[in-house]
């Protein structure tokens, strides 16, 4: 190994008497396995899945102690793979990182080389983590939408618009020339969403209280839904003929109660987005678009930068639904 010391700092979550406690620990390096890479992490980011892992959600992380962090970007310090060389900059997101494999809330990660994507030259490490899994998810959603819908086709609605996926979706769709409608439960964030590019802002309570009929008045040509539940139900029922809805989250509920009418009477397409296990070729396509023509001018406006010592406070706020945009972790300070 190229580093000159034997330990590194990590945000470690431990189970104590049924409680899950996060703190900064000194960790030892393990021998690097065949086909693995050792990455010195420069930035990570805070996602809802990380907050769940840090609070003991066994649906995300089964075994503790554990280091969360489903996103990381940094420089390869050691490579036991033919895919990458020492010194290359890489992005690592999703797969098992931060779930049952120690994740990016640490100064170093050791992962299979197959999980890494080469950092595009046009993208800084900080920008890569402003995107992170949220950006990859938003990008995949936008790629599927733009394959079927053009800006002239009508309004695109984005739910959970102040969250990571939502805020990035609003920004990118606006740059691509789409008329974006943002749904949020935070009335105080209307101006923030407008700065990201939302042309209209509607509030969650209003959408939840749409009529219970199987089909509703068409309002949108397409949608990116990040929350699930009643919001997704009513978006689908309010989508124009031949519209397209992508679905990537279930923070409101994993269940939807619908008839088949939106699909057989309006020809609506519902597309699921899985950014955890999608193919590497698909990831590379999306990352390249995020680094070039899709990069919002106001990308920095969607993020807050923190140090490792700030993590627990931000995790607590995320679990209470009180964060907006992206929270990125700088591991070089």
C-alpha atoms as a PDB file:
ATOM      1  CA  UNK A   1       0.000   0.000   0.000  1.00  0.00           C
ATOM      2  CA  UNK A   2       1.159   3.497  -0.760  1.00  0.00           C
ATOM      3  CA  UNK A   3      -0.096   5.127   2.402  1.00  0.00           C
ATOM      4  CA  UNK A   4       2.468   5.577   5.173  1.00  0.00           C
ATOM      5  CA  UNK A   5       0.244   4.735   8.121  1.00  0.00           C
ATOM      6  CA  UNK A   6      -1.717   1.712   9.265  1.00  0.00           C
ATOM      7  CA  UNK A   7      -5.139   3.132  10.142  1.00  0.00           C
ATOM      8  CA  UNK A   8      -7.757   5.454   8.670  1.00  0.00           C
ATOM      9  CA  UNK A   9     -10.824   7.306   9.967  1.00  0.00           C
ATOM     10  CA  UNK A  10     -14.361   6.041   9.379  1.00  0.00           C
ATOM     11  CA  UNK A  11     -17.863   6.872  10.615  1.00  0.00           C
ATOM     12  CA  UNK A  12     -18.702   3.600  12.320  1.00  0.00           C
ATOM     13  CA  UNK A  13     -22.187   2.552  13.449  1.00  0.00           C
ATOM     14  CA  UNK A  14     -22.339   0.127  16.376  1.00  0.00           C
ATOM     15  CA  UNK A  15     -25.242  -1.625  18.073  1.00  0.00           C
ATOM     16  CA  UNK A  16     -25.349  -1.082  21.844  1.00  0.00           C
ATOM     17  CA  UNK A  17     -28.241  -2.459  23.891  1.00  0.00           C
ATOM     18  CA  UNK A  18     -30.599  -2.180  20.943  1.00  0.00           C
ATOM     19  CA  UNK A  19     -29.511   1.336  20.051  1.00  0.00           C
ATOM     20  CA  UNK A  20     -27.411   2.242  17.001  1.00  0.00           C
ATOM     21  CA  UNK A  21     -24.641   4.731  17.721  1.00  0.00           C
ATOM     22  CA  UNK A  22     -22.455   6.407  15.106  1.00  0.00           C
ATOM     23  CA  UNK A  23     -18.983   7.726  15.911  1.00  0.00           C
ATOM     24  CA  UNK A  24     -15.607   8.302  14.269  1.00  0.00           C
ATOM     25  CA  UNK A  25     -13.271   5.345  14.672  1.00  0.00           C
ATOM     26  CA  UNK A  26      -9.737   4.418  13.628  1.00  0.00           C
ATOM     27  CA  UNK A  27      -9.887   1.415  11.290  1.00  0.00           C
ATOM     28  CA  UNK A  28      -7.144  -0.960  10.180  1.00  0.00           C
ATOM     29  CA  UNK A  29      -6.469  -1.799   6.552  1.00  0.00           C
ATOM     30  CA  UNK A  30      -7.249  -5.331   5.404  1.00  0.00           C
ATOM     31  CA  UNK A  31      -5.219  -7.209   2.785  1.00  0.00           C
ATOM     32  CA  UNK A  32      -6.506  -6.376  -0.690  1.00  0.00           C
ATOM     33  CA  UNK A  33      -8.345  -9.264  -2.350  1.00  0.00           C
ATOM     34  CA  UNK A  34      -7.867 -10.404  -5.924  1.00  0.00           C
ATOM     35  CA  UNK A  35      -9.660  -8.098  -8.422  1.00  0.00           C
ATOM     36  CA  UNK A  36     -10.288  -5.478  -5.698  1.00  0.00           C
ATOM     37  CA  UNK A  37      -9.172  -1.856  -5.600  1.00  0.00           C
ATOM     38  CA  UNK A  38      -8.230   0.358  -2.660  1.00  0.00           C
ATOM     39  CA  UNK A  39      -9.614   3.872  -3.111  1.00  0.00           C
ATOM     40  CA  UNK A  40      -8.642   6.941  -1.108  1.00  0.00           C
ATOM     41  CA  UNK A  41     -12.028   8.634  -0.756  1.00  0.00           C
ATOM     42  CA  UNK A  42     -12.155  12.376  -1.402  1.00  0.00           C
ATOM     43  CA  UNK A  43     -15.938  12.827  -1.230  1.00  0.00           C
ATOM     44  CA  UNK A  44     -18.996  10.811  -0.300  1.00  0.00           C
ATOM     45  CA  UNK A  45     -22.639  11.852   0.031  1.00  0.00           C
ATOM     46  CA  UNK A  46     -25.561  11.325   2.374  1.00  0.00           C
ATOM     47  CA  UNK A  47     -28.525   9.382   1.007  1.00  0.00           C
ATOM     48  CA  UNK A  48     -31.724   8.218   2.669  1.00  0.00           C
ATOM     49  CA  UNK A  49     -30.453   4.646   2.485  1.00  0.00           C
ATOM     50  CA  UNK A  50     -27.362   5.741   4.450  1.00  0.00           C
ATOM     51  CA  UNK A  51     -29.561   7.285   7.128  1.00  0.00           C
ATOM     52  CA  UNK A  52     -31.481   4.016   7.379  1.00  0.00           C
ATOM     53  CA  UNK A  53     -28.249   2.033   7.642  1.00  0.00           C
ATOM     54  CA  UNK A  54     -26.968   4.396  10.349  1.00  0.00           C
ATOM     55  CA  UNK A  55     -30.167   3.901  12.365  1.00  0.00           C
ATOM     56  CA  UNK A  56     -30.086   0.088  12.327  1.00  0.00           C
ATOM     57  CA  UNK A  57     -32.514  -0.702   9.530  1.00  0.00           C
ATOM     58  CA  UNK A  58     -31.871  -4.415   8.902  1.00  0.00           C
ATOM     59  CA  UNK A  59     -33.522  -4.174   5.505  1.00  0.00           C
ATOM     60  CA  UNK A  60     -30.475  -2.138   4.426  1.00  0.00           C
ATOM     61  CA  UNK A  61     -27.661  -3.428   6.638  1.00  0.00           C
ATOM     62  CA  UNK A  62     -27.773  -6.788   8.379  1.00  0.00           C
ATOM     63  CA  UNK A  63     -24.513  -6.787  10.310  1.00  0.00           C
ATOM     64  CA  UNK A  64     -22.921  -4.240  12.647  1.00  0.00           C
ATOM     65  CA  UNK A  65     -20.478  -2.605  13.350  1.00  0.00           C
ATOM     66  CA  UNK A  66     -20.736  -1.059   9.908  1.00  0.00           C
ATOM     67  CA  UNK A  67     -19.604   1.950   7.861  1.00  0.00           C
ATOM     68  CA  UNK A  68     -22.472   3.437   5.766  1.00  0.00           C
ATOM     69  CA  UNK A  69     -22.047   5.415   2.557  1.00  0.00           C
ATOM     70  CA  UNK A  70     -23.444   4.122  -0.737  1.00  0.00           C
ATOM     71  CA  UNK A  71     -21.453   6.716  -2.723  1.00  0.00           C
ATOM     72  CA  UNK A  72     -17.744   7.450  -2.984  1.00  0.00           C
ATOM     73  CA  UNK A  73     -15.286   9.112  -5.350  1.00  0.00           C
ATOM     74  CA  UNK A  74     -11.527   9.166  -5.078  1.00  0.00           C
ATOM     75  CA  UNK A  75      -8.141   8.044  -6.319  1.00  0.00           C
ATOM     76  CA  UNK A  76      -7.011   4.424  -6.573  1.00  0.00           C
ATOM     77  CA  UNK A  77      -4.142   3.784  -4.148  1.00  0.00           C
ATOM     78  CA  UNK A  78      -3.749   0.114  -5.003  1.00  0.00           C
ATOM     79  CA  UNK A  79      -5.226  -2.140  -7.691  1.00  0.00           C
ATOM     80  CA  UNK A  80      -5.357  -5.912  -7.898  1.00  0.00           C
ATOM     81  CA  UNK A  81      -7.358  -5.735 -11.131  1.00  0.00           C
ATOM     82  CA  UNK A  82      -6.581  -5.295 -14.810  1.00  0.00           C
ATOM     83  CA  UNK A  83      -9.541  -2.889 -15.096  1.00  0.00           C
ATOM     84  CA  UNK A  84      -7.844   0.021 -13.306  1.00  0.00           C
ATOM     85  CA  UNK A  85      -4.371   1.307 -12.540  1.00  0.00           C
ATOM     86  CA  UNK A  86      -3.040   3.004  -9.434  1.00  0.00           C
ATOM     87  CA  UNK A  87      -3.620   6.746  -9.645  1.00  0.00           C
ATOM     88  CA  UNK A  88      -6.857   6.648 -11.633  1.00  0.00           C
ATOM     89  CA  UNK A  89      -9.887   8.557 -10.335  1.00  0.00           C
ATOM     90  CA  UNK A  90     -13.071   6.514  -9.975  1.00  0.00           C
ATOM     91  CA  UNK A  91     -16.699   6.769  -8.867  1.00  0.00           C
ATOM     92  CA  UNK A  92     -18.200   3.932  -6.835  1.00  0.00           C
ATOM     93  CA  UNK A  93     -21.946   3.928  -6.252  1.00  0.00           C
ATOM     94  CA  UNK A  94     -24.593   1.379  -5.262  1.00  0.00           C
ATOM     95  CA  UNK A  95     -24.091  -2.397  -5.667  1.00  0.00           C
ATOM     96  CA  UNK A  96     -23.461  -3.451  -2.038  1.00  0.00           C
ATOM     97  CA  UNK A  97     -21.373  -0.407  -1.069  1.00  0.00           C
ATOM     98  CA  UNK A  98     -22.535   1.012   2.262  1.00  0.00           C
ATOM     99  CA  UNK A  99     -25.078  -1.760   2.766  1.00  0.00           C
ATOM    100  CA  UNK A 100     -23.257  -4.883   3.968  1.00  0.00           C
ATOM    101  CA  UNK A 101     -19.925  -3.768   2.493  1.00  0.00           C
ATOM    102  CA  UNK A 102     -18.243  -0.924   4.400  1.00  0.00           C
ATOM    103  CA  UNK A 103     -19.000   2.271   2.522  1.00  0.00           C
ATOM    104  CA  UNK A 104     -17.884   5.758   1.659  1.00  0.00           C
ATOM    105  CA  UNK A 105     -18.118   7.392   5.091  1.00  0.00           C
ATOM    106  CA  UNK A 106     -14.431   6.571   5.478  1.00  0.00           C
ATOM    107  CA  UNK A 107     -11.084   7.793   4.238  1.00  0.00           C
ATOM    108  CA  UNK A 108     -10.580   4.531   2.293  1.00  0.00           C
ATOM    109  CA  UNK A 109     -12.758   1.852   0.732  1.00  0.00           C
ATOM    110  CA  UNK A 110     -11.847  -1.587  -0.602  1.00  0.00           C
ATOM    111  CA  UNK A 111     -14.250  -2.816  -3.289  1.00  0.00           C
ATOM    112  CA  UNK A 112     -14.418  -5.043  -6.378  1.00  0.00           C
ATOM    113  CA  UNK A 113     -13.065  -3.228  -9.410  1.00  0.00           C
ATOM    114  CA  UNK A 114     -16.292  -4.101 -11.259  1.00  0.00           C
ATOM    115  CA  UNK A 115     -18.164  -1.634  -9.046  1.00  0.00           C
ATOM    116  CA  UNK A 116     -16.119   1.361 -10.201  1.00  0.00           C
ATOM    117  CA  UNK A 117     -16.646   3.802 -13.074  1.00  0.00           C
ATOM    118  CA  UNK A 118     -13.797   5.969 -14.326  1.00  0.00           C
ATOM    119  CA  UNK A 119     -14.429   9.590 -13.348  1.00  0.00           C
ATOM    120  CA  UNK A 120     -15.190  11.550 -16.547  1.00  0.00           C
ATOM    121  CA  UNK A 121     -12.575  14.234 -17.250  1.00  0.00           C
ATOM    122  CA  UNK A 122     -15.252  16.924 -17.398  1.00  0.00           C
ATOM    123  CA  UNK A 123     -16.497  16.117 -13.891  1.00  0.00           C
ATOM    124  CA  UNK A 124     -14.773  17.140 -10.659  1.00  0.00           C
ATOM    125  CA  UNK A 125     -14.829  14.803  -7.659  1.00  0.00           C
ATOM    126  CA  UNK A 126     -17.079  17.216  -5.798  1.00  0.00           C
ATOM    127  CA  UNK A 127     -19.510  17.373  -8.710  1.00  0.00           C
ATOM    128  CA  UNK A 128     -19.537  13.572  -8.924  1.00  0.00           C
ATOM    129  CA  UNK A 129     -20.759  13.368  -5.337  1.00  0.00           C
ATOM    130  CA  UNK A 130     -23.269  16.186  -5.735  1.00  0.00           C
ATOM    131  CA  UNK A 131     -24.713  13.706  -8.200  1.00  0.00           C
ATOM    132  CA  UNK A 132     -23.885  10.407  -6.446  1.00  0.00           C
ATOM    133  CA  UNK A 133     -26.528   7.687  -6.480  1.00  0.00           C
ATOM    134  CA  UNK A 134     -29.197  10.401  -6.481  1.00  0.00           C
ATOM    135  CA  UNK A 135     -27.761  11.869  -9.679  1.00  0.00           C
ATOM    136  CA  UNK A 136     -27.364   8.458 -11.268  1.00  0.00           C
ATOM    137  CA  UNK A 137     -30.999   7.686 -10.408  1.00  0.00           C
ATOM    138  CA  UNK A 138     -32.191  11.061 -11.698  1.00  0.00           C
ATOM    139  CA  UNK A 139     -30.104  10.575 -14.835  1.00  0.00           C
ATOM    140  CA  UNK A 140     -31.520   7.130 -15.506  1.00  0.00           C
ATOM    141  CA  UNK A 141     -35.046   8.489 -15.051  1.00  0.00           C
ATOM    142  CA  UNK A 142     -34.375  11.401 -17.386  1.00  0.00           C
ATOM    143  CA  UNK A 143     -32.784   9.141 -19.995  1.00  0.00           C
ATOM    144  CA  UNK A 144     -35.895   6.953 -20.076  1.00  0.00           C
ATOM    145  CA  UNK A 145     -38.219   9.970 -20.224  1.00  0.00           C
ATOM    146  CA  UNK A 146     -36.311  11.766 -22.964  1.00  0.00           C
ATOM    147  CA  UNK A 147     -36.319   8.640 -25.117  1.00  0.00           C
ATOM    148  CA  UNK A 148     -40.115   8.938 -25.316  1.00  0.00           C
ATOM    149  CA  UNK A 149     -41.022  12.568 -24.562  1.00  0.00           C
ATOM    150  CA  UNK A 150     -39.814  15.869 -26.012  1.00  0.00           C
ATOM    151  CA  UNK A 151     -40.068  19.307 -24.365  1.00  0.00           C
ATOM    152  CA  UNK A 152     -43.004  20.259 -26.608  1.00  0.00           C
ATOM    153  CA  UNK A 153     -45.033  17.271 -25.389  1.00  0.00           C
ATOM    154  CA  UNK A 154     -46.050  19.021 -22.177  1.00  0.00           C
ATOM    155  CA  UNK A 155     -45.325  19.370 -18.482  1.00  0.00           C
ATOM    156  CA  UNK A 156     -43.087  16.991 -16.524  1.00  0.00           C
ATOM    157  CA  UNK A 157     -43.893  16.681 -12.813  1.00  0.00           C
ATOM    158  CA  UNK A 158     -41.277  15.735 -10.218  1.00  0.00           C
ATOM    159  CA  UNK A 159     -42.327  14.527  -6.768  1.00  0.00           C
ATOM    160  CA  UNK A 160     -40.166  14.833  -3.668  1.00  0.00           C
ATOM    161  CA  UNK A 161     -38.612  17.762  -5.465  1.00  0.00           C
ATOM    162  CA  UNK A 162     -36.495  19.088  -2.588  1.00  0.00           C
ATOM    163  CA  UNK A 163     -34.811  15.710  -2.097  1.00  0.00           C
ATOM    164  CA  UNK A 164     -31.602  14.640  -3.794  1.00  0.00           C
ATOM    165  CA  UNK A 165     -33.127  12.842  -6.794  1.00  0.00           C
ATOM    166  CA  UNK A 166     -35.915  15.390  -7.097  1.00  0.00           C
ATOM    167  CA  UNK A 167     -33.775  18.518  -6.964  1.00  0.00           C
ATOM    168  CA  UNK A 168     -31.323  17.165  -9.537  1.00  0.00           C
ATOM    169  CA  UNK A 169     -34.179  16.037 -11.789  1.00  0.00           C
ATOM    170  CA  UNK A 170     -35.714  19.515 -11.700  1.00  0.00           C
ATOM    171  CA  UNK A 171     -32.374  21.137 -12.556  1.00  0.00           C
ATOM    172  CA  UNK A 172     -31.484  18.776 -15.405  1.00  0.00           C
ATOM    173  CA  UNK A 173     -34.945  18.747 -16.987  1.00  0.00           C
ATOM    174  CA  UNK A 174     -34.992  22.548 -16.879  1.00  0.00           C
ATOM    175  CA  UNK A 175     -31.636  22.679 -18.657  1.00  0.00           C
ATOM    176  CA  UNK A 176     -32.962  20.328 -21.332  1.00  0.00           C
ATOM    177  CA  UNK A 177     -35.854  22.693 -22.009  1.00  0.00           C
ATOM    178  CA  UNK A 178     -38.732  20.875 -20.281  1.00  0.00           C
ATOM    179  CA  UNK A 179     -41.520  22.650 -18.415  1.00  0.00           C
ATOM    180  CA  UNK A 180     -41.035  21.304 -14.883  1.00  0.00           C
ATOM    181  CA  UNK A 181     -43.706  21.113 -12.184  1.00  0.00           C
ATOM    182  CA  UNK A 182     -42.335  20.395  -8.699  1.00  0.00           C
ATOM    183  CA  UNK A 183     -44.262  18.654  -5.917  1.00  0.00           C
ATOM    184  CA  UNK A 184     -43.092  19.289  -2.354  1.00  0.00           C
ATOM    185  CA  UNK A 185     -44.408  19.028   1.173  1.00  0.00           C
ATOM    186  CA  UNK A 186     -42.349  22.054   2.192  1.00  0.00           C
ATOM    187  CA  UNK A 187     -44.185  25.255   1.359  1.00  0.00           C
ATOM    188  CA  UNK A 188     -41.183  27.283   2.547  1.00  0.00           C
ATOM    189  CA  UNK A 189     -39.069  25.852  -0.293  1.00  0.00           C
ATOM    190  CA  UNK A 190     -41.109  27.215  -3.212  1.00  0.00           C
ATOM    191  CA  UNK A 191     -38.494  29.874  -4.024  1.00  0.00           C
ATOM    192  CA  UNK A 192     -35.670  27.304  -3.792  1.00  0.00           C
ATOM    193  CA  UNK A 193     -37.396  25.059  -6.312  1.00  0.00           C
ATOM    194  CA  UNK A 194     -37.957  27.982  -8.644  1.00  0.00           C
ATOM    195  CA  UNK A 195     -34.227  28.767  -8.549  1.00  0.00           C
ATOM    196  CA  UNK A 196     -33.602  25.168  -9.652  1.00  0.00           C
ATOM    197  CA  UNK A 197     -35.860  25.672 -12.658  1.00  0.00           C
ATOM    198  CA  UNK A 198     -39.372  24.669 -11.579  1.00  0.00           C
ATOM    199  CA  UNK A 199     -41.969  26.661 -13.537  1.00  0.00           C
ATOM    200  CA  UNK A 200     -44.750  25.590 -11.184  1.00  0.00           C
ATOM    201  CA  UNK A 201     -44.753  24.342  -7.583  1.00  0.00           C
ATOM    202  CA  UNK A 202     -47.641  22.362  -6.134  1.00  0.00           C
ATOM    203  CA  UNK A 203     -47.886  21.056  -2.610  1.00  0.00           C
ATOM    204  CA  UNK A 204     -48.005  17.459  -1.518  1.00  0.00           C
ATOM    205  CA  UNK A 205     -51.228  17.804   0.423  1.00  0.00           C
ATOM    206  CA  UNK A 206     -53.032  19.057  -2.661  1.00  0.00           C
ATOM    207  CA  UNK A 207     -51.852  16.096  -4.729  1.00  0.00           C
ATOM    208  CA  UNK A 208     -52.735  13.632  -1.973  1.00  0.00           C
ATOM    209  CA  UNK A 209     -56.270  15.020  -1.960  1.00  0.00           C
ATOM    210  CA  UNK A 210     -56.934  14.616  -5.664  1.00  0.00           C
ATOM    211  CA  UNK A 211     -60.245  12.949  -6.504  1.00  0.00           C
ATOM    212  CA  UNK A 212     -60.408   9.210  -5.857  1.00  0.00           C
ATOM    213  CA  UNK A 213     -61.721   8.431  -9.358  1.00  0.00           C
ATOM    214  CA  UNK A 214     -59.817   5.807 -11.415  1.00  0.00           C
ATOM    215  CA  UNK A 215     -58.859   8.480 -13.965  1.00  0.00           C
ATOM    216  CA  UNK A 216     -58.360  12.199 -13.433  1.00  0.00           C
ATOM    217  CA  UNK A 217     -58.066  15.251 -15.662  1.00  0.00           C
ATOM    218  CA  UNK A 218     -54.794  14.993 -17.644  1.00  0.00           C
ATOM    219  CA  UNK A 219     -52.239  17.440 -16.255  1.00  0.00           C
ATOM    220  CA  UNK A 220     -48.793  16.070 -17.120  1.00  0.00           C
ATOM    221  CA  UNK A 221     -47.095  14.465 -20.107  1.00  0.00           C
ATOM    222  CA  UNK A 222     -44.631  12.666 -17.853  1.00  0.00           C
ATOM    223  CA  UNK A 223     -43.283  12.347 -14.357  1.00  0.00           C
ATOM    224  CA  UNK A 224     -40.366  11.395 -12.168  1.00  0.00           C
ATOM    225  CA  UNK A 225     -41.757  10.015  -8.925  1.00  0.00           C
ATOM    226  CA  UNK A 226     -39.402   9.600  -5.965  1.00  0.00           C
ATOM    227  CA  UNK A 227     -41.869   8.883  -3.162  1.00  0.00           C
ATOM    228  CA  UNK A 228     -44.447   6.230  -4.165  1.00  0.00           C
ATOM    229  CA  UNK A 229     -47.797   5.780  -2.444  1.00  0.00           C
ATOM    230  CA  UNK A 230     -50.769   8.057  -3.066  1.00  0.00           C
ATOM    231  CA  UNK A 231     -48.599  10.658  -4.815  1.00  0.00           C
ATOM    232  CA  UNK A 232     -47.564   8.124  -7.454  1.00  0.00           C
ATOM    233  CA  UNK A 233     -51.160   6.889  -7.782  1.00  0.00           C
ATOM    234  CA  UNK A 234     -52.483  10.382  -8.476  1.00  0.00           C
ATOM    235  CA  UNK A 235     -49.643  11.281 -10.827  1.00  0.00           C
ATOM    236  CA  UNK A 236     -50.402   8.203 -12.942  1.00  0.00           C
ATOM    237  CA  UNK A 237     -54.121   8.976 -12.964  1.00  0.00           C
ATOM    238  CA  UNK A 238     -53.345  12.601 -14.017  1.00  0.00           C
ATOM    239  CA  UNK A 239     -50.957  11.787 -16.860  1.00  0.00           C
ATOM    240  CA  UNK A 240     -51.812  12.523 -20.498  1.00  0.00           C
ATOM    241  CA  UNK A 241     -52.429   9.887 -23.144  1.00  0.00           C
ATOM    242  CA  UNK A 242     -49.191   8.077 -24.068  1.00  0.00           C
ATOM    243  CA  UNK A 243     -47.450   9.684 -21.087  1.00  0.00           C
ATOM    244  CA  UNK A 244     -44.448   8.250 -19.268  1.00  0.00           C
ATOM    245  CA  UNK A 245     -43.935   7.941 -15.493  1.00  0.00           C
ATOM    246  CA  UNK A 246     -40.725   6.722 -13.856  1.00  0.00           C
ATOM    247  CA  UNK A 247     -40.701   5.364 -10.305  1.00  0.00           C
ATOM    248  CA  UNK A 248     -37.617   5.159  -8.073  1.00  0.00           C
ATOM    249  CA  UNK A 249     -38.659   5.569  -4.425  1.00  0.00           C
ATOM    250  CA  UNK A 250     -41.058   4.475  -1.709  1.00  0.00           C
ATOM    251  CA  UNK A 251     -40.505   6.863   1.181  1.00  0.00           C
ATOM    252  CA  UNK A 252     -44.257   7.591   1.287  1.00  0.00           C
ATOM    253  CA  UNK A 253     -45.306   3.979   0.721  1.00  0.00           C
ATOM    254  CA  UNK A 254     -44.277   0.952  -1.343  1.00  0.00           C
ATOM    255  CA  UNK A 255     -47.946   0.322  -2.176  1.00  0.00           C
ATOM    256  CA  UNK A 256     -50.149   1.822  -4.868  1.00  0.00           C
ATOM    257  CA  UNK A 257     -53.892   1.304  -5.329  1.00  0.00           C
ATOM    258  CA  UNK A 258     -54.836   1.633  -8.998  1.00  0.00           C
ATOM    259  CA  UNK A 259     -57.094   0.248 -11.683  1.00  0.00           C
ATOM    260  CA  UNK A 260     -55.671  -0.713 -15.068  1.00  0.00           C
ATOM    261  CA  UNK A 261     -57.521   2.198 -16.714  1.00  0.00           C
ATOM    262  CA  UNK A 262     -54.558   4.630 -16.948  1.00  0.00           C
ATOM    263  CA  UNK A 263     -52.627   1.944 -18.788  1.00  0.00           C
ATOM    264  CA  UNK A 264     -55.288   0.562 -21.125  1.00  0.00           C
ATOM    265  CA  UNK A 265     -57.327   3.727 -21.756  1.00  0.00           C
ATOM    266  CA  UNK A 266     -54.474   6.248 -21.962  1.00  0.00           C
ATOM    267  CA  UNK A 267     -51.548   3.999 -22.851  1.00  0.00           C
ATOM    268  CA  UNK A 268     -49.439   5.310 -19.974  1.00  0.00           C
ATOM    269  CA  UNK A 269     -46.029   3.727 -19.472  1.00  0.00           C
ATOM    270  CA  UNK A 270     -44.749   3.122 -15.924  1.00  0.00           C
ATOM    271  CA  UNK A 271     -40.974   2.561 -15.800  1.00  0.00           C
ATOM    272  CA  UNK A 272     -39.155   1.308 -12.721  1.00  0.00           C
ATOM    273  CA  UNK A 273     -35.666   2.708 -12.091  1.00  0.00           C
ATOM    274  CA  UNK A 274     -33.031   0.484 -10.458  1.00  0.00           C
ATOM    275  CA  UNK A 275     -29.752   2.332 -10.026  1.00  0.00           C
ATOM    276  CA  UNK A 276     -28.293  -0.280  -7.676  1.00  0.00           C
ATOM    277  CA  UNK A 277     -27.793  -3.158 -10.086  1.00  0.00           C
ATOM    278  CA  UNK A 278     -28.003  -1.608 -13.564  1.00  0.00           C
ATOM    279  CA  UNK A 279     -25.327  -2.602 -16.083  1.00  0.00           C
ATOM    280  CA  UNK A 280     -21.962  -0.873 -16.203  1.00  0.00           C
ATOM    281  CA  UNK A 281     -22.535   0.156 -19.829  1.00  0.00           C
ATOM    282  CA  UNK A 282     -25.728   1.950 -18.824  1.00  0.00           C
ATOM    283  CA  UNK A 283     -23.966   3.646 -15.908  1.00  0.00           C
ATOM    284  CA  UNK A 284     -21.241   4.938 -18.198  1.00  0.00           C
ATOM    285  CA  UNK A 285     -23.800   6.400 -20.611  1.00  0.00           C
ATOM    286  CA  UNK A 286     -25.566   8.252 -17.803  1.00  0.00           C
ATOM    287  CA  UNK A 287     -22.363   9.474 -16.118  1.00  0.00           C
ATOM    288  CA  UNK A 288     -21.069  10.838 -19.422  1.00  0.00           C
ATOM    289  CA  UNK A 289     -24.298  12.745 -19.997  1.00  0.00           C
ATOM    290  CA  UNK A 290     -24.210  14.086 -16.427  1.00  0.00           C
ATOM    291  CA  UNK A 291     -20.659  15.328 -16.990  1.00  0.00           C
ATOM    292  CA  UNK A 292     -21.426  17.136 -20.247  1.00  0.00           C
ATOM    293  CA  UNK A 293     -24.735  18.220 -21.786  1.00  0.00           C
ATOM    294  CA  UNK A 294     -26.858  17.509 -18.718  1.00  0.00           C
ATOM    295  CA  UNK A 295     -24.722  19.299 -16.116  1.00  0.00           C
ATOM    296  CA  UNK A 296     -26.838  22.126 -14.600  1.00  0.00           C
ATOM    297  CA  UNK A 297     -25.188  25.515 -14.323  1.00  0.00           C
ATOM    298  CA  UNK A 298     -26.468  25.759 -10.749  1.00  0.00           C
ATOM    299  CA  UNK A 299     -25.288  22.264  -9.716  1.00  0.00           C
ATOM    300  CA  UNK A 300     -23.680  23.661  -6.539  1.00  0.00           C
ATOM    301  CA  UNK A 301     -27.047  25.137  -5.531  1.00  0.00           C
ATOM    302  CA  UNK A 302     -28.370  21.645  -4.860  1.00  0.00           C
ATOM    303  CA  UNK A 303     -25.787  20.737  -2.199  1.00  0.00           C
ATOM    304  CA  UNK A 304     -24.455  21.380   1.293  1.00  0.00           C
ATOM    305  CA  UNK A 305     -20.871  20.321   2.074  1.00  0.00           C
ATOM    306  CA  UNK A 306     -20.023  18.847   5.489  1.00  0.00           C
ATOM    307  CA  UNK A 307     -17.160  17.225   7.419  1.00  0.00           C
ATOM    308  CA  UNK A 308     -17.228  13.731   8.894  1.00  0.00           C
ATOM    309  CA  UNK A 309     -17.859  15.194  12.358  1.00  0.00           C
ATOM    310  CA  UNK A 310     -21.154  16.669  11.075  1.00  0.00           C
ATOM    311  CA  UNK A 311     -22.570  13.379   9.809  1.00  0.00           C
ATOM    312  CA  UNK A 312     -24.694  12.313  12.766  1.00  0.00           C
ATOM    313  CA  UNK A 313     -26.531  15.632  12.951  1.00  0.00           C
ATOM    314  CA  UNK A 314     -27.301  15.514   9.219  1.00  0.00           C
ATOM    315  CA  UNK A 315     -28.453  11.885   9.456  1.00  0.00           C
ATOM    316  CA  UNK A 316     -30.881  12.858  12.202  1.00  0.00           C
ATOM    317  CA  UNK A 317     -32.251  15.722  10.098  1.00  0.00           C
ATOM    318  CA  UNK A 318     -32.630  13.485   7.051  1.00  0.00           C
ATOM    319  CA  UNK A 319     -34.619  10.931   9.031  1.00  0.00           C
ATOM    320  CA  UNK A 320     -36.941  13.767  10.106  1.00  0.00           C
ATOM    321  CA  UNK A 321     -37.360  14.936   6.496  1.00  0.00           C
ATOM    322  CA  UNK A 322     -35.648  18.253   7.211  1.00  0.00           C
ATOM    323  CA  UNK A 323     -32.853  18.214   4.616  1.00  0.00           C
ATOM    324  CA  UNK A 324     -33.099  19.630   1.124  1.00  0.00           C
ATOM    325  CA  UNK A 325     -30.985  18.983  -1.941  1.00  0.00           C
ATOM    326  CA  UNK A 326     -27.768  17.013  -1.620  1.00  0.00           C
ATOM    327  CA  UNK A 327     -25.468  16.724   1.408  1.00  0.00           C
ATOM    328  CA  UNK A 328     -21.902  15.828   0.447  1.00  0.00           C
ATOM    329  CA  UNK A 329     -19.132  14.689   2.757  1.00  0.00           C
ATOM    330  CA  UNK A 330     -15.629  16.095   2.228  1.00  0.00           C
ATOM    331  CA  UNK A 331     -13.111  13.551   3.556  1.00  0.00           C
ATOM    332  CA  UNK A 332     -10.047  15.662   2.726  1.00  0.00           C
ATOM    333  CA  UNK A 333     -10.671  18.192   5.526  1.00  0.00           C
END
